[in-house]
Amino acid sequence: MNTKLTLKLDQEVIERAKKYASNQKLSLSKLVEAYLQSLTSKKDTDELEISPFVRSISTGKKIAPDLDYKEEYSDHLLEKYK
């Protein structure tokens, strides 16, 4: 069930968030929902996915220098919250 929420935020933050959401092909509502979901998720630490960067540190494996971690994370969130 979707419910309306009103937020009071700095105008600059709103404009940057709108631009970011647009670049990610998401609505601002979906972006905020995904963020709040990630903050309030009740996952155990064993269930958390380890980022490629952290995995490379712990395993000693190198990550690709051209890896766009922001795009990878964005793709992950899009897949997770379909």
PDB file of N, CA and C in Angstrom:
ATOM      1  N   MET A   1       0.835  -1.173   0.000  1.00  0.00           N
ATOM      2  CA  MET A   1       0.000   0.000   0.000  1.00  0.00           C
ATOM      3  C   MET A   1       0.887   1.246   0.000  1.00  0.00           C
ATOM      4  N   ASN A   2       0.656   2.128  -0.933  1.00  0.00           N
ATOM      5  CA  ASN A   2       1.413   3.369  -1.005  1.00  0.00           C
ATOM      6  C   ASN A   2       0.697   4.459  -0.220  1.00  0.00           C
ATOM      7  N   THR A   3       1.471   5.261   0.508  1.00  0.00           N
ATOM      8  CA  THR A   3       0.940   6.358   1.301  1.00  0.00           C
ATOM      9  C   THR A   3       1.740   7.610   0.985  1.00  0.00           C
ATOM     10  N   LYS A   4       1.081   8.723   0.941  1.00  0.00           N
ATOM     11  CA  LYS A   4       1.732   9.994   0.657  1.00  0.00           C
ATOM     12  C   LYS A   4       2.527  10.469   1.877  1.00  0.00           C
ATOM     13  N   LEU A   5       3.701  11.047   1.628  1.00  0.00           N
ATOM     14  CA  LEU A   5       4.561  11.570   2.682  1.00  0.00           C
ATOM     15  C   LEU A   5       5.048  12.947   2.259  1.00  0.00           C
ATOM     16  N   THR A   6       4.974  13.910   3.143  1.00  0.00           N
ATOM     17  CA  THR A   6       5.446  15.254   2.859  1.00  0.00           C
ATOM     18  C   THR A   6       6.741  15.478   3.635  1.00  0.00           C
ATOM     19  N   LEU A   7       7.768  15.942   2.923  1.00  0.00           N
ATOM     20  CA  LEU A   7       9.057  16.216   3.546  1.00  0.00           C
ATOM     21  C   LEU A   7       9.441  17.674   3.319  1.00  0.00           C
ATOM     22  N   LYS A   8      10.117  18.266   4.272  1.00  0.00           N
ATOM     23  CA  LYS A   8      10.650  19.609   4.112  1.00  0.00           C
ATOM     24  C   LYS A   8      12.164  19.473   4.024  1.00  0.00           C
ATOM     25  N   LEU A   9      12.710  19.817   2.850  1.00  0.00           N
ATOM     26  CA  LEU A   9      14.137  19.688   2.598  1.00  0.00           C
ATOM     27  C   LEU A   9      14.676  20.956   1.958  1.00  0.00           C
ATOM     28  N   ASP A  10      15.976  21.141   2.048  1.00  0.00           N
ATOM     29  CA  ASP A  10      16.636  22.255   1.399  1.00  0.00           C
ATOM     30  C   ASP A  10      16.413  22.167  -0.115  1.00  0.00           C
ATOM     31  N   GLN A  11      16.099  23.287  -0.755  1.00  0.00           N
ATOM     32  CA  GLN A  11      15.791  23.313  -2.188  1.00  0.00           C
ATOM     33  C   GLN A  11      16.946  22.769  -3.033  1.00  0.00           C
ATOM     34  N   GLU A  12      18.193  23.088  -2.657  1.00  0.00           N
ATOM     35  CA  GLU A  12      19.362  22.578  -3.404  1.00  0.00           C
ATOM     36  C   GLU A  12      19.440  21.061  -3.344  1.00  0.00           C
ATOM     37  N   VAL A  13      19.160  20.510  -2.176  1.00  0.00           N
ATOM     38  CA  VAL A  13      19.182  19.055  -2.004  1.00  0.00           C
ATOM     39  C   VAL A  13      18.114  18.418  -2.882  1.00  0.00           C
ATOM     40  N   ILE A  14      16.941  19.014  -2.911  1.00  0.00           N
ATOM     41  CA  ILE A  14      15.851  18.486  -3.731  1.00  0.00           C
ATOM     42  C   ILE A  14      16.235  18.488  -5.207  1.00  0.00           C
ATOM     43  N   GLU A  15      16.796  19.593  -5.688  1.00  0.00           N
ATOM     44  CA  GLU A  15      17.174  19.691  -7.101  1.00  0.00           C
ATOM     45  C   GLU A  15      18.246  18.664  -7.463  1.00  0.00           C
ATOM     46  N   ARG A  16      19.249  18.500  -6.590  1.00  0.00           N
ATOM     47  CA  ARG A  16      20.291  17.508  -6.857  1.00  0.00           C
ATOM     48  C   ARG A  16      19.718  16.098  -6.833  1.00  0.00           C
ATOM     49  N   ALA A  17      18.814  15.839  -5.891  1.00  0.00           N
ATOM     50  CA  ALA A  17      18.198  14.517  -5.793  1.00  0.00           C
ATOM     51  C   ALA A  17      17.340  14.222  -7.020  1.00  0.00           C
ATOM     52  N   LYS A  18      16.612  15.218  -7.514  1.00  0.00           N
ATOM     53  CA  LYS A  18      15.801  15.037  -8.727  1.00  0.00           C
ATOM     54  C   LYS A  18      16.686  14.716  -9.922  1.00  0.00           C
ATOM     55  N   LYS A  19      17.803  15.439 -10.028  1.00  0.00           N
ATOM     56  CA  LYS A  19      18.723  15.197 -11.143  1.00  0.00           C
ATOM     57  C   LYS A  19      19.323  13.797 -11.040  1.00  0.00           C
ATOM     58  N   TYR A  20      19.720  13.412  -9.832  1.00  0.00           N
ATOM     59  CA  TYR A  20      20.284  12.077  -9.625  1.00  0.00           C
ATOM     60  C   TYR A  20      19.259  10.997  -9.977  1.00  0.00           C
ATOM     61  N   ALA A  21      18.041  11.154  -9.477  1.00  0.00           N
ATOM     62  CA  ALA A  21      16.986  10.175  -9.746  1.00  0.00           C
ATOM     63  C   ALA A  21      16.713  10.070 -11.240  1.00  0.00           C
ATOM     64  N   SER A  22      16.684  11.199 -11.910  1.00  0.00           N
ATOM     65  CA  SER A  22      16.449  11.205 -13.357  1.00  0.00           C
ATOM     66  C   SER A  22      17.568  10.472 -14.085  1.00  0.00           C
ATOM     67  N   ASN A  23      18.798  10.712 -13.691  1.00  0.00           N
ATOM     68  CA  ASN A  23      19.948  10.029 -14.312  1.00  0.00           C
ATOM     69  C   ASN A  23      19.899   8.523 -14.078  1.00  0.00           C
ATOM     70  N   GLN A  24      19.322   8.126 -12.957  1.00  0.00           N
ATOM     71  CA  GLN A  24      19.215   6.704 -12.629  1.00  0.00           C
ATOM     72  C   GLN A  24      17.933   6.090 -13.186  1.00  0.00           C
ATOM     73  N   LYS A  25      17.143   6.913 -13.875  1.00  0.00           N
ATOM     74  CA  LYS A  25      15.853   6.473 -14.432  1.00  0.00           C
ATOM     75  C   LYS A  25      14.909   5.965 -13.336  1.00  0.00           C
ATOM     76  N   LEU A  26      14.879   6.731 -12.245  1.00  0.00           N
ATOM     77  CA  LEU A  26      14.016   6.432 -11.106  1.00  0.00           C
ATOM     78  C   LEU A  26      13.199   7.676 -10.769  1.00  0.00           C
ATOM     79  N   SER A  27      12.076   7.465 -10.142  1.00  0.00           N
ATOM     80  CA  SER A  27      11.347   8.610  -9.600  1.00  0.00           C
ATOM     81  C   SER A  27      12.007   8.982  -8.272  1.00  0.00           C
ATOM     82  N   LEU A  28      11.830  10.215  -7.874  1.00  0.00           N
ATOM     83  CA  LEU A  28      12.385  10.649  -6.597  1.00  0.00           C
ATOM     84  C   LEU A  28      11.741   9.864  -5.451  1.00  0.00           C
ATOM     85  N   SER A  29      10.460   9.570  -5.578  1.00  0.00           N
ATOM     86  CA  SER A  29       9.775   8.769  -4.555  1.00  0.00           C
ATOM     87  C   SER A  29      10.408   7.385  -4.418  1.00  0.00           C
ATOM     88  N   LYS A  30      10.690   6.746  -5.559  1.00  0.00           N
ATOM     89  CA  LYS A  30      11.284   5.410  -5.533  1.00  0.00           C
ATOM     90  C   LYS A  30      12.688   5.463  -4.925  1.00  0.00           C
ATOM     91  N   LEU A  31      13.434   6.508  -5.234  1.00  0.00           N
ATOM     92  CA  LEU A  31      14.772   6.673  -4.683  1.00  0.00           C
ATOM     93  C   LEU A  31      14.725   6.807  -3.168  1.00  0.00           C
ATOM     94  N   VAL A  32      13.817   7.646  -2.662  1.00  0.00           N
ATOM     95  CA  VAL A  32      13.681   7.838  -1.218  1.00  0.00           C
ATOM     96  C   VAL A  32      13.213   6.543  -0.566  1.00  0.00           C
ATOM     97  N   GLU A  33      12.271   5.858  -1.204  1.00  0.00           N
ATOM     98  CA  GLU A  33      11.782   4.587  -0.661  1.00  0.00           C
ATOM     99  C   GLU A  33      12.916   3.562  -0.554  1.00  0.00           C
ATOM    100  N   ALA A  34      13.737   3.464  -1.598  1.00  0.00           N
ATOM    101  CA  ALA A  34      14.853   2.519  -1.580  1.00  0.00           C
ATOM    102  C   ALA A  34      15.846   2.865  -0.468  1.00  0.00           C
ATOM    103  N   TYR A  35      16.105   4.151  -0.289  1.00  0.00           N
ATOM    104  CA  TYR A  35      17.028   4.581   0.760  1.00  0.00           C
ATOM    105  C   TYR A  35      16.473   4.245   2.145  1.00  0.00           C
ATOM    106  N   LEU A  36      15.202   4.574   2.372  1.00  0.00           N
ATOM    107  CA  LEU A  36      14.602   4.278   3.665  1.00  0.00           C
ATOM    108  C   LEU A  36      14.522   2.779   3.909  1.00  0.00           C
ATOM    109  N   GLN A  37      14.261   2.027   2.855  1.00  0.00           N
ATOM    110  CA  GLN A  37      14.238   0.562   2.977  1.00  0.00           C
ATOM    111  C   GLN A  37      15.607   0.041   3.398  1.00  0.00           C
ATOM    112  N   SER A  38      16.667   0.594   2.796  1.00  0.00           N
ATOM    113  CA  SER A  38      18.009   0.132   3.144  1.00  0.00           C
ATOM    114  C   SER A  38      18.371   0.495   4.581  1.00  0.00           C
ATOM    115  N   LEU A  39      17.884   1.632   5.065  1.00  0.00           N
ATOM    116  CA  LEU A  39      18.161   2.039   6.441  1.00  0.00           C
ATOM    117  C   LEU A  39      17.420   1.181   7.459  1.00  0.00           C
ATOM    118  N   THR A  40      16.217   0.774   7.120  1.00  0.00           N
ATOM    119  CA  THR A  40      15.367   0.082   8.090  1.00  0.00           C
ATOM    120  C   THR A  40      15.312  -1.423   7.894  1.00  0.00           C
ATOM    121  N   SER A  41      16.097  -1.929   6.975  1.00  0.00           N
ATOM    122  CA  SER A  41      16.117  -3.360   6.699  1.00  0.00           C
ATOM    123  C   SER A  41      16.587  -4.110   7.942  1.00  0.00           C
ATOM    124  N   LYS A  42      15.977  -5.260   8.198  1.00  0.00           N
ATOM    125  CA  LYS A  42      16.330  -6.051   9.381  1.00  0.00           C
ATOM    126  C   LYS A  42      17.232  -7.221   9.028  1.00  0.00           C
ATOM    127  N   LYS A  43      18.046  -7.067   8.002  1.00  0.00           N
ATOM    128  CA  LYS A  43      18.943  -8.152   7.602  1.00  0.00           C
ATOM    129  C   LYS A  43      20.038  -8.351   8.640  1.00  0.00           C
ATOM    130  N   ASP A  44      20.401  -9.596   8.847  1.00  0.00           N
ATOM    131  CA  ASP A  44      21.555  -9.905   9.686  1.00  0.00           C
ATOM    132  C   ASP A  44      22.811  -9.567   8.907  1.00  0.00           C
ATOM    133  N   THR A  45      23.905  -9.339   9.588  1.00  0.00           N
ATOM    134  CA  THR A  45      25.144  -9.005   8.910  1.00  0.00           C
ATOM    135  C   THR A  45      25.621 -10.145   8.025  1.00  0.00           C
ATOM    136  N   ASP A  46      25.247 -11.397   8.356  1.00  0.00           N
ATOM    137  CA  ASP A  46      25.626 -12.526   7.516  1.00  0.00           C
ATOM    138  C   ASP A  46      24.949 -12.475   6.156  1.00  0.00           C
ATOM    139  N   GLU A  47      23.797 -11.829   6.075  1.00  0.00           N
ATOM    140  CA  GLU A  47      23.048 -11.761   4.838  1.00  0.00           C
ATOM    141  C   GLU A  47      23.435 -10.578   3.970  1.00  0.00           C
ATOM    142  N   LEU A  48      24.218  -9.638   4.502  1.00  0.00           N
ATOM    143  CA  LEU A  48      24.575  -8.453   3.738  1.00  0.00           C
ATOM    144  C   LEU A  48      25.521  -8.807   2.603  1.00  0.00           C
ATOM    145  N   GLU A  49      25.266  -8.215   1.448  1.00  0.00           N
ATOM    146  CA  GLU A  49      26.137  -8.453   0.302  1.00  0.00           C
ATOM    147  C   GLU A  49      27.408  -7.632   0.457  1.00  0.00           C
ATOM    148  N   ILE A  50      28.521  -8.235   0.173  1.00  0.00           N
ATOM    149  CA  ILE A  50      29.809  -7.565   0.294  1.00  0.00           C
ATOM    150  C   ILE A  50      30.137  -6.917  -1.043  1.00  0.00           C
ATOM    151  N   SER A  51      30.507  -5.641  -0.996  1.00  0.00           N
ATOM    152  CA  SER A  51      30.821  -4.924  -2.229  1.00  0.00           C
ATOM    153  C   SER A  51      32.098  -5.490  -2.858  1.00  0.00           C
ATOM    154  N   PRO A  52      32.264  -5.329  -4.174  1.00  0.00           N
ATOM    155  CA  PRO A  52      33.474  -5.828  -4.836  1.00  0.00           C
ATOM    156  C   PRO A  52      34.750  -5.245  -4.238  1.00  0.00           C
ATOM    157  N   PHE A  53      34.701  -3.981  -3.839  1.00  0.00           N
ATOM    158  CA  PHE A  53      35.884  -3.347  -3.266  1.00  0.00           C
ATOM    159  C   PHE A  53      36.293  -4.027  -1.960  1.00  0.00           C
ATOM    160  N   VAL A  54      35.331  -4.227  -1.066  1.00  0.00           N
ATOM    161  CA  VAL A  54      35.627  -4.871   0.219  1.00  0.00           C
ATOM    162  C   VAL A  54      36.077  -6.311  -0.013  1.00  0.00           C
ATOM    163  N   ARG A  55      35.415  -7.002  -0.935  1.00  0.00           N
ATOM    164  CA  ARG A  55      35.798  -8.380  -1.245  1.00  0.00           C
ATOM    165  C   ARG A  55      37.245  -8.431  -1.749  1.00  0.00           C
ATOM    166  N   SER A  56      37.624  -7.447  -2.579  1.00  0.00           N
ATOM    167  CA  SER A  56      38.988  -7.449  -3.123  1.00  0.00           C
ATOM    168  C   SER A  56      40.021  -7.227  -2.020  1.00  0.00           C
ATOM    169  N   ILE A  57      39.674  -6.422  -1.031  1.00  0.00           N
ATOM    170  CA  ILE A  57      40.587  -6.178   0.088  1.00  0.00           C
ATOM    171  C   ILE A  57      40.757  -7.449   0.913  1.00  0.00           C
ATOM    172  N   SER A  58      39.629  -8.116   1.186  1.00  0.00           N
ATOM    173  CA  SER A  58      39.696  -9.287   2.048  1.00  0.00           C
ATOM    174  C   SER A  58      40.299 -10.499   1.355  1.00  0.00           C
ATOM    175  N   THR A  59      40.177 -10.589   0.022  1.00  0.00           N
ATOM    176  CA  THR A  59      40.696 -11.754  -0.695  1.00  0.00           C
ATOM    177  C   THR A  59      42.046 -11.491  -1.341  1.00  0.00           C
ATOM    178  N   GLY A  60      42.432 -10.236  -1.419  1.00  0.00           N
ATOM    179  CA  GLY A  60      43.685  -9.893  -2.078  1.00  0.00           C
ATOM    180  C   GLY A  60      43.561  -9.814  -3.589  1.00  0.00           C
ATOM    181  N   LYS A  61      42.345 -10.040  -4.122  1.00  0.00           N
ATOM    182  CA  LYS A  61      42.141  -9.950  -5.564  1.00  0.00           C
ATOM    183  C   LYS A  61      42.022  -8.497  -5.974  1.00  0.00           C
ATOM    184  N   LYS A  62      42.485  -8.191  -7.158  1.00  0.00           N
ATOM    185  CA  LYS A  62      42.397  -6.839  -7.688  1.00  0.00           C
ATOM    186  C   LYS A  62      41.033  -6.635  -8.340  1.00  0.00           C
ATOM    187  N   ILE A  63      40.505  -5.419  -8.211  1.00  0.00           N
ATOM    188  CA  ILE A  63      39.285  -5.100  -8.934  1.00  0.00           C
ATOM    189  C   ILE A  63      39.672  -4.306 -10.176  1.00  0.00           C
ATOM    190  N   ALA A  64      38.819  -4.356 -11.160  1.00  0.00           N
ATOM    191  CA  ALA A  64      39.107  -3.653 -12.412  1.00  0.00           C
ATOM    192  C   ALA A  64      39.234  -2.156 -12.149  1.00  0.00           C
ATOM    193  N   PRO A  65      40.272  -1.518 -12.696  1.00  0.00           N
ATOM    194  CA  PRO A  65      40.458  -0.090 -12.440  1.00  0.00           C
ATOM    195  C   PRO A  65      39.343   0.767 -13.042  1.00  0.00           C
ATOM    196  N   ASP A  66      38.666   0.249 -14.064  1.00  0.00           N
ATOM    197  CA  ASP A  66      37.606   1.026 -14.702  1.00  0.00           C
ATOM    198  C   ASP A  66      36.224   0.693 -14.137  1.00  0.00           C
ATOM    199  N   LEU A  67      36.168  -0.030 -13.026  1.00  0.00           N
ATOM    200  CA  LEU A  67      34.895  -0.403 -12.416  1.00  0.00           C
ATOM    201  C   LEU A  67      34.179   0.850 -11.930  1.00  0.00           C
ATOM    202  N   ASP A  68      32.963   1.026 -12.375  1.00  0.00           N
ATOM    203  CA  ASP A  68      32.139   2.145 -11.929  1.00  0.00           C
ATOM    204  C   ASP A  68      31.275   1.648 -10.770  1.00  0.00           C
ATOM    205  N   TYR A  69      31.781   1.804  -9.551  1.00  0.00           N
ATOM    206  CA  TYR A  69      31.105   1.243  -8.393  1.00  0.00           C
ATOM    207  C   TYR A  69      29.752   1.901  -8.147  1.00  0.00           C
ATOM    208  N   LYS A  70      29.612   3.168  -8.505  1.00  0.00           N
ATOM    209  CA  LYS A  70      28.319   3.830  -8.324  1.00  0.00           C
ATOM    210  C   LYS A  70      27.272   3.219  -9.253  1.00  0.00           C
ATOM    211  N   GLU A  71      27.657   2.944 -10.486  1.00  0.00           N
ATOM    212  CA  GLU A  71      26.733   2.314 -11.428  1.00  0.00           C
ATOM    213  C   GLU A  71      26.398   0.894 -10.969  1.00  0.00           C
ATOM    214  N   GLU A  72      27.411   0.163 -10.494  1.00  0.00           N
ATOM    215  CA  GLU A  72      27.171  -1.195  -9.993  1.00  0.00           C
ATOM    216  C   GLU A  72      26.185  -1.182  -8.823  1.00  0.00           C
ATOM    217  N   TYR A  73      26.365  -0.240  -7.920  1.00  0.00           N
ATOM    218  CA  TYR A  73      25.486  -0.151  -6.762  1.00  0.00           C
ATOM    219  C   TYR A  73      24.074   0.248  -7.187  1.00  0.00           C
ATOM    220  N   SER A  74      23.986   1.195  -8.110  1.00  0.00           N
ATOM    221  CA  SER A  74      22.692   1.608  -8.629  1.00  0.00           C
ATOM    222  C   SER A  74      21.968   0.435  -9.283  1.00  0.00           C
ATOM    223  N   ASP A  75      22.692  -0.338 -10.102  1.00  0.00           N
ATOM    224  CA  ASP A  75      22.105  -1.526 -10.732  1.00  0.00           C
ATOM    225  C   ASP A  75      21.625  -2.517  -9.681  1.00  0.00           C
ATOM    226  N   HIS A  76      22.411  -2.668  -8.634  1.00  0.00           N
ATOM    227  CA  HIS A  76      22.050  -3.572  -7.542  1.00  0.00           C
ATOM    228  C   HIS A  76      20.738  -3.128  -6.885  1.00  0.00           C
ATOM    229  N   LEU A  77      20.623  -1.819  -6.584  1.00  0.00           N
ATOM    230  CA  LEU A  77      19.414  -1.319  -5.947  1.00  0.00           C
ATOM    231  C   LEU A  77      18.197  -1.459  -6.862  1.00  0.00           C
ATOM    232  N   LEU A  78      18.394  -1.187  -8.154  1.00  0.00           N
ATOM    233  CA  LEU A  78      17.288  -1.332  -9.093  1.00  0.00           C
ATOM    234  C   LEU A  78      16.791  -2.771  -9.135  1.00  0.00           C
ATOM    235  N   GLU A  79      17.708  -3.700  -9.146  1.00  0.00           N
ATOM    236  CA  GLU A  79      17.338  -5.125  -9.177  1.00  0.00           C
ATOM    237  C   GLU A  79      16.679  -5.535  -7.864  1.00  0.00           C
ATOM    238  N   LYS A  80      17.228  -5.055  -6.763  1.00  0.00           N
ATOM    239  CA  LYS A  80      16.731  -5.428  -5.446  1.00  0.00           C
ATOM    240  C   LYS A  80      15.305  -4.946  -5.209  1.00  0.00           C
ATOM    241  N   TYR A  81      14.993  -3.732  -5.662  1.00  0.00           N
ATOM    242  CA  TYR A  81      13.687  -3.136  -5.355  1.00  0.00           C
ATOM    243  C   TYR A  81      12.739  -3.141  -6.551  1.00  0.00           C
ATOM    244  N   LYS A  82      12.884  -4.121  -7.450  1.00  0.00           N
ATOM    245  CA  LYS A  82      11.938  -4.253  -8.568  1.00  0.00           C
ATOM    246  C   LYS A  82      10.576  -4.610  -8.070  1.00  0.00           C
TER     247      LYS A  82
END
